[in-house]
Amino acid sequence: MVARVISGAVVVVVAVVTLTGCGRQASRRSAPDLSLLATGPDRQVLPTIRPGVSEALDAAGGLAAWKQCTRIEAGATVTACARDGCFYLTEQDFVICPWSDAIQVTAREPRAAFAWQVVGGQYYPPRADPNLDVSPLQGVRGDYAEAVLQIVTAPVRMLDDGVVLTPRPAVSQIDGQWYLPIDVAYRGAAENLKTRRTGNGANTGVETFRPTYWTQSVYFQDQRRPLVNMIWLGDPDAHKFLVVRGYNYARPAAGGVLIPTKIEVFQSDADASIGPRLALIDLKQ
């Protein structure tokens, strides 16, 4: 697989954001340099791992391996699905910083190259002319990137500050497979939009932001091996719902963690039904 795990150091990057028309954050500033976000966890604030989370971490390589995983790079062949049923084939490169909750996607399209990021729940759209974008993913690039980030780094996301996990009392069967659903609540998500002051002196202003990209999620933990290999992502206020699934878990080159080498992203609804497929991602072998 053409994928790498890299170690690095951290620099805090502060972003100013506005709210887009579809209810997502879009930064007015340049996207952060992900090489500065490739860092491990702060050992001093790493939470005590609960039983279900510990099992998910162990199934994906173990906490020790994830602590050393500061950056994942992977190339992929992506089949995007248009609404008319046609398929659109493209090549994409992913850079993921698990502990900084950050992803960058670069796509080489016929008329231009597009690069976009989601960092800490804030979406940085491509800077290329949108009139040159012919991909079916146009308009959902932020949602798509965040879905990939969630499924690849699920064990780390379960440790995020502000995440409250509530396992349901019974397992559910989906496509013949048994899963334990784990409801995810985000502290601050119920507050929806928040404001904060920015700048100093004559440059003082107020920005509007949302604490998390999604407001509701459900992790589905496989009962055969306790990987979280399916996630429902929801934002009822924005009428956005996705299901993302991971398959064929393997270790990237020189990395001890396990990540999915095949990913599917589907449209969904408030009931977590699996709808039409948006994209199929095959990491290069």
Protein backbone atom coordinates (compact mmCIF):
# COMPACT_ATOMS: atom_id res chain seq x y z
CA MET A 1 0.00 0.00 0.00
CA VAL A 2 1.31 3.48 -0.83
CA ALA A 3 0.83 4.90 2.64
CA ARG A 4 3.20 6.25 5.24
CA VAL A 5 3.12 7.05 8.93
CA ILE A 6 5.35 9.94 9.97
CA SER A 7 6.37 11.56 13.27
CA GLY A 8 6.66 15.29 13.81
CA ALA A 9 6.13 18.29 16.06
CA VAL A 10 3.16 20.56 16.72
CA VAL A 11 2.50 24.24 16.25
CA VAL A 12 -0.89 25.66 17.22
CA VAL A 13 -2.68 27.23 14.25
CA VAL A 14 -5.63 29.54 14.87
CA ALA A 15 -8.22 29.86 12.08
CA VAL A 16 -10.87 32.50 11.52
CA VAL A 17 -14.07 31.05 10.06
CA THR A 18 -17.41 32.06 8.67
CA LEU A 19 -20.54 30.00 8.28
CA THR A 20 -21.27 28.87 4.74
CA GLY A 21 -24.75 28.79 3.25
CA CYS A 22 -25.04 25.03 3.77
CA GLY A 23 -24.28 25.30 7.47
CA ARG A 24 -20.61 24.33 7.35
CA GLN A 25 -17.56 26.26 8.50
CA ALA A 26 -15.40 27.76 5.77
CA SER A 27 -12.23 29.54 6.75
CA ARG A 28 -11.42 32.98 5.34
CA ARG A 29 -7.71 32.40 5.99
CA SER A 30 -5.24 30.19 4.20
CA ALA A 31 -5.37 26.52 5.13
CA PRO A 32 -2.90 25.42 7.82
CA ASP A 33 0.34 23.65 6.97
CA LEU A 34 -0.39 20.07 8.00
CA SER A 35 3.30 19.39 8.51
CA LEU A 36 3.02 21.65 11.56
CA LEU A 37 0.07 19.62 12.89
CA ALA A 38 1.78 16.22 12.76
CA THR A 39 2.01 15.62 16.49
CA GLY A 40 1.26 12.89 18.99
CA PRO A 41 -1.15 13.20 21.91
CA ASP A 42 -0.58 15.31 24.98
CA ARG A 43 0.19 12.52 27.46
CA GLN A 44 -0.79 14.79 30.36
CA VAL A 45 -4.41 15.11 29.20
CA LEU A 46 -4.92 11.72 27.55
CA PRO A 47 -8.15 10.39 29.12
CA THR A 48 -8.50 7.11 30.95
CA ILE A 49 -9.45 4.53 28.35
CA ARG A 50 -12.77 2.77 28.92
CA PRO A 51 -13.28 -0.92 28.04
CA GLY A 52 -15.02 -0.43 24.68
CA VAL A 53 -12.50 2.18 23.56
CA SER A 54 -9.59 0.01 24.65
CA GLU A 55 -10.91 -2.87 22.53
CA ALA A 56 -11.28 -0.57 19.49
CA LEU A 57 -7.72 0.70 19.94
CA ASP A 58 -6.31 -2.80 20.36
CA ALA A 59 -8.10 -4.02 17.22
CA ALA A 60 -6.59 -1.13 15.24
CA GLY A 61 -3.00 -1.64 16.36
CA GLY A 62 -2.98 -0.57 20.01
CA LEU A 63 -2.62 2.72 21.86
CA ALA A 64 1.18 2.61 21.80
CA ALA A 65 1.19 2.45 17.99
CA TRP A 66 -1.36 5.26 17.69
CA LYS A 67 0.66 7.47 20.04
CA GLN A 68 3.52 7.21 17.55
CA CYS A 69 1.26 7.83 14.54
CA THR A 70 1.42 11.57 13.87
CA ARG A 71 0.79 11.62 10.11
CA ILE A 72 -0.64 9.21 7.55
CA GLU A 73 -0.11 9.71 3.81
CA ALA A 74 -1.91 7.63 1.21
CA GLY A 75 -2.71 7.77 -2.49
CA ALA A 76 -6.01 6.37 -3.73
CA THR A 77 -8.14 5.66 -6.73
CA VAL A 78 -11.59 7.13 -6.10
CA THR A 79 -14.81 6.27 -7.87
CA ALA A 80 -17.31 9.08 -7.28
CA CYS A 81 -20.97 8.42 -8.02
CA ALA A 82 -23.04 11.04 -9.80
CA ARG A 83 -26.77 11.49 -9.22
CA ASP A 84 -27.54 10.22 -12.72
CA GLY A 85 -25.88 6.91 -11.92
CA CYS A 86 -22.68 7.60 -13.85
CA PHE A 87 -19.26 6.92 -12.31
CA TYR A 88 -16.41 9.43 -12.17
CA LEU A 89 -12.88 8.04 -11.72
CA THR A 90 -10.16 10.21 -10.20
CA GLU A 91 -6.88 10.03 -8.29
CA GLN A 92 -6.59 11.56 -4.83
CA ASP A 93 -3.89 11.95 -2.19
CA PHE A 94 -4.72 12.03 1.52
CA VAL A 95 -2.68 13.50 4.38
CA ILE A 96 -4.13 12.79 7.81
CA CYS A 97 -2.91 14.01 11.21
CA PRO A 98 -4.86 11.84 13.70
CA TRP A 99 -4.12 13.73 16.92
CA SER A 100 -4.76 17.15 15.35
CA ASP A 101 -8.11 16.01 13.88
CA ALA A 102 -6.92 17.14 10.46
CA ILE A 103 -7.12 15.91 6.87
CA GLN A 104 -6.04 17.27 3.50
CA VAL A 105 -7.34 15.86 0.22
CA THR A 106 -5.74 16.66 -3.13
CA ALA A 107 -7.50 15.67 -6.36
CA ARG A 108 -6.04 15.92 -9.83
CA GLU A 109 -9.08 16.68 -11.95
CA PRO A 110 -9.12 17.09 -15.76
CA ARG A 111 -9.30 20.90 -15.69
CA ALA A 112 -7.49 21.75 -12.44
CA ALA A 113 -6.02 20.37 -9.24
CA PHE A 114 -8.11 20.83 -6.10
CA ALA A 115 -6.87 20.68 -2.51
CA TRP A 116 -9.05 21.10 0.56
CA GLN A 117 -8.82 20.50 4.30
CA VAL A 118 -10.87 19.92 7.41
CA VAL A 119 -8.91 20.83 10.55
CA GLY A 120 -10.50 20.66 13.98
CA GLY A 121 -13.98 20.70 12.45
CA GLN A 122 -13.26 23.74 10.26
CA TYR A 123 -13.51 23.38 6.48
CA TYR A 124 -10.97 25.02 4.17
CA PRO A 125 -12.35 24.81 0.61
CA PRO A 126 -10.25 24.52 -2.57
CA ARG A 127 -8.78 27.76 -3.86
CA ALA A 128 -9.08 26.71 -7.49
CA ASP A 129 -11.82 28.18 -9.67
CA PRO A 130 -15.02 26.25 -8.76
CA ASN A 131 -16.17 26.57 -12.38
CA LEU A 132 -13.40 24.11 -13.28
CA ASP A 133 -14.69 21.49 -10.84
CA VAL A 134 -16.51 18.70 -12.69
CA SER A 135 -16.42 16.11 -9.90
CA PRO A 136 -19.67 14.73 -8.42
CA LEU A 137 -18.08 15.54 -5.04
CA GLN A 138 -18.38 19.25 -5.76
CA GLY A 139 -20.45 20.76 -2.98
CA VAL A 140 -19.79 17.94 -0.50
CA ARG A 141 -15.99 17.95 -0.40
CA GLY A 142 -15.87 18.98 3.26
CA ASP A 143 -18.36 16.29 4.32
CA TYR A 144 -16.50 13.69 2.27
CA ALA A 145 -13.11 14.57 3.77
CA GLU A 146 -14.47 14.57 7.30
CA ALA A 147 -16.04 11.15 6.74
CA VAL A 148 -12.68 9.73 5.60
CA LEU A 149 -10.95 11.32 8.60
CA GLN A 150 -13.50 9.81 10.98
CA ILE A 151 -13.25 6.22 9.71
CA VAL A 152 -9.45 6.18 9.41
CA THR A 153 -8.85 7.69 12.86
CA ALA A 154 -11.90 6.28 14.69
CA PRO A 155 -9.87 5.00 17.70
CA VAL A 156 -8.36 8.47 18.21
CA ARG A 157 -11.68 10.26 17.70
CA MET A 158 -13.12 8.17 20.54
CA LEU A 159 -10.52 9.85 22.79
CA ASP A 160 -11.28 13.40 21.65
CA ASP A 161 -11.91 15.98 24.36
CA GLY A 162 -15.63 16.71 24.61
CA VAL A 163 -16.78 13.39 23.13
CA VAL A 164 -19.31 11.45 25.24
CA LEU A 165 -19.74 7.78 24.27
CA THR A 166 -22.85 5.81 25.26
CA PRO A 167 -22.97 2.16 24.15
CA ARG A 168 -26.49 0.91 23.47
CA PRO A 169 -27.74 -2.05 25.54
CA ALA A 170 -28.14 -4.41 22.57
CA VAL A 171 -26.32 -5.23 19.36
CA SER A 172 -27.83 -4.63 15.90
CA GLN A 173 -27.56 -6.63 12.70
CA ILE A 174 -26.65 -4.73 9.52
CA ASP A 175 -26.10 -6.54 6.22
CA GLY A 176 -25.79 -9.83 8.09
CA GLN A 177 -23.13 -8.53 10.48
CA TRP A 178 -23.59 -7.80 14.19
CA TYR A 179 -22.54 -4.41 15.56
CA LEU A 180 -22.66 -2.66 18.92
CA PRO A 181 -23.94 0.89 18.26
CA ILE A 182 -22.23 3.55 20.36
CA ASP A 183 -24.01 6.91 20.45
CA VAL A 184 -21.68 9.90 20.29
CA ALA A 185 -22.53 13.26 21.83
CA TYR A 186 -20.33 16.32 21.45
CA ARG A 187 -20.10 18.77 24.31
CA GLY A 188 -20.84 22.18 22.84
CA ALA A 189 -22.65 20.82 19.78
CA ALA A 190 -26.03 21.67 21.30
CA GLU A 191 -24.93 25.30 21.49
CA ASN A 192 -24.72 25.31 17.69
CA LEU A 193 -23.14 28.62 16.72
CA LYS A 194 -20.81 30.46 19.05
CA THR A 195 -19.01 33.77 18.77
CA ARG A 196 -15.58 34.87 19.92
CA ARG A 197 -13.49 38.03 19.67
CA THR A 198 -10.48 38.07 17.37
CA GLY A 199 -7.52 40.36 16.83
CA ASN A 200 -6.31 43.35 18.77
CA GLY A 201 -6.79 47.09 18.63
CA ALA A 202 -8.08 48.33 15.27
CA ASN A 203 -8.17 44.76 14.00
CA THR A 204 -10.54 43.52 16.71
CA GLY A 205 -13.54 41.62 15.34
CA VAL A 206 -16.04 38.88 16.07
CA GLU A 207 -16.14 35.52 14.35
CA THR A 208 -18.86 32.87 14.29
CA PHE A 209 -17.97 29.21 14.54
CA ARG A 210 -19.34 25.78 15.46
CA PRO A 211 -17.43 23.65 17.99
CA THR A 212 -17.73 20.43 15.95
CA TYR A 213 -18.21 19.52 12.29
CA TRP A 214 -21.03 17.06 13.02
CA THR A 215 -23.54 17.38 15.84
CA GLN A 216 -24.49 13.69 16.12
CA SER A 217 -22.71 10.41 15.39
CA VAL A 218 -23.03 6.69 15.97
CA TYR A 219 -20.00 4.41 15.97
CA PHE A 220 -20.72 0.81 14.98
CA GLN A 221 -18.30 -1.61 16.61
CA ASP A 222 -17.91 -4.92 14.78
CA GLN A 223 -18.62 -7.87 17.08
CA ARG A 224 -16.29 -10.27 15.23
CA ARG A 225 -13.27 -8.05 15.83
CA PRO A 226 -13.96 -4.85 17.76
CA LEU A 227 -13.01 -2.39 15.03
CA VAL A 228 -15.21 0.67 14.62
CA ASN A 229 -15.59 0.09 10.87
CA MET A 230 -18.88 1.90 10.25
CA ILE A 231 -19.91 5.38 11.38
CA TRP A 232 -23.12 7.38 10.94
CA LEU A 233 -22.53 11.15 10.85
CA GLY A 234 -25.38 13.61 11.24
CA ASP A 235 -26.17 17.31 11.32
CA PRO A 236 -29.97 17.69 11.37
CA ASP A 237 -29.86 21.50 11.27
CA ALA A 238 -27.92 21.39 7.99
CA HIS A 239 -29.88 18.35 6.71
CA LYS A 240 -26.62 16.47 6.24
CA PHE A 241 -26.27 12.75 6.96
CA LEU A 242 -23.59 10.29 5.86
CA VAL A 243 -22.58 6.71 6.54
CA VAL A 244 -18.92 5.76 6.07
CA ARG A 245 -17.63 2.17 6.11
CA GLY A 246 -14.11 0.77 6.21
CA TYR A 247 -12.85 -2.59 4.94
CA ASN A 248 -9.65 -4.60 4.46
CA TYR A 249 -7.70 -3.15 7.36
CA ALA A 250 -3.92 -3.21 6.99
CA ARG A 251 -0.82 -1.46 8.29
CA PRO A 252 0.62 1.41 6.25
CA ALA A 253 4.28 1.14 5.31
CA ALA A 254 6.46 1.55 8.41
CA GLY A 255 3.39 2.03 10.58
CA GLY A 256 2.00 -0.07 13.40
CA VAL A 257 -1.61 1.12 13.22
CA LEU A 258 -4.36 -0.55 11.19
CA ILE A 259 -6.40 1.57 8.77
CA PRO A 260 -9.02 0.66 6.17
CA THR A 261 -7.65 0.24 2.65
CA LYS A 262 -11.15 0.38 1.14
CA ILE A 263 -13.67 3.04 2.18
CA GLU A 264 -17.25 3.66 1.08
CA VAL A 265 -19.14 6.90 1.73
CA PHE A 266 -22.93 6.82 1.46
CA GLN A 267 -25.74 9.30 1.72
CA SER A 268 -27.93 8.66 4.74
CA ASP A 269 -30.82 10.07 6.77
CA ALA A 270 -31.82 10.76 10.36
CA ASP A 271 -32.51 7.04 10.88
CA ALA A 272 -28.97 6.05 9.80
CA SER A 273 -30.24 4.22 6.72
CA ILE A 274 -27.64 3.49 4.05
CA GLY A 275 -28.55 5.41 0.90
CA PRO A 276 -26.88 5.93 -2.49
CA ARG A 277 -23.11 5.67 -2.54
CA LEU A 278 -21.16 8.91 -2.94
CA ALA A 279 -17.69 7.46 -3.34
CA LEU A 280 -15.59 4.30 -3.24
CA ILE A 281 -11.97 4.82 -2.16
CA ASP A 282 -9.29 2.22 -2.86
CA LEU A 283 -5.91 2.98 -1.33
CA LYS A 284 -3.13 2.11 -3.73
CA GLN A 285 -1.37 -1.18 -3.08
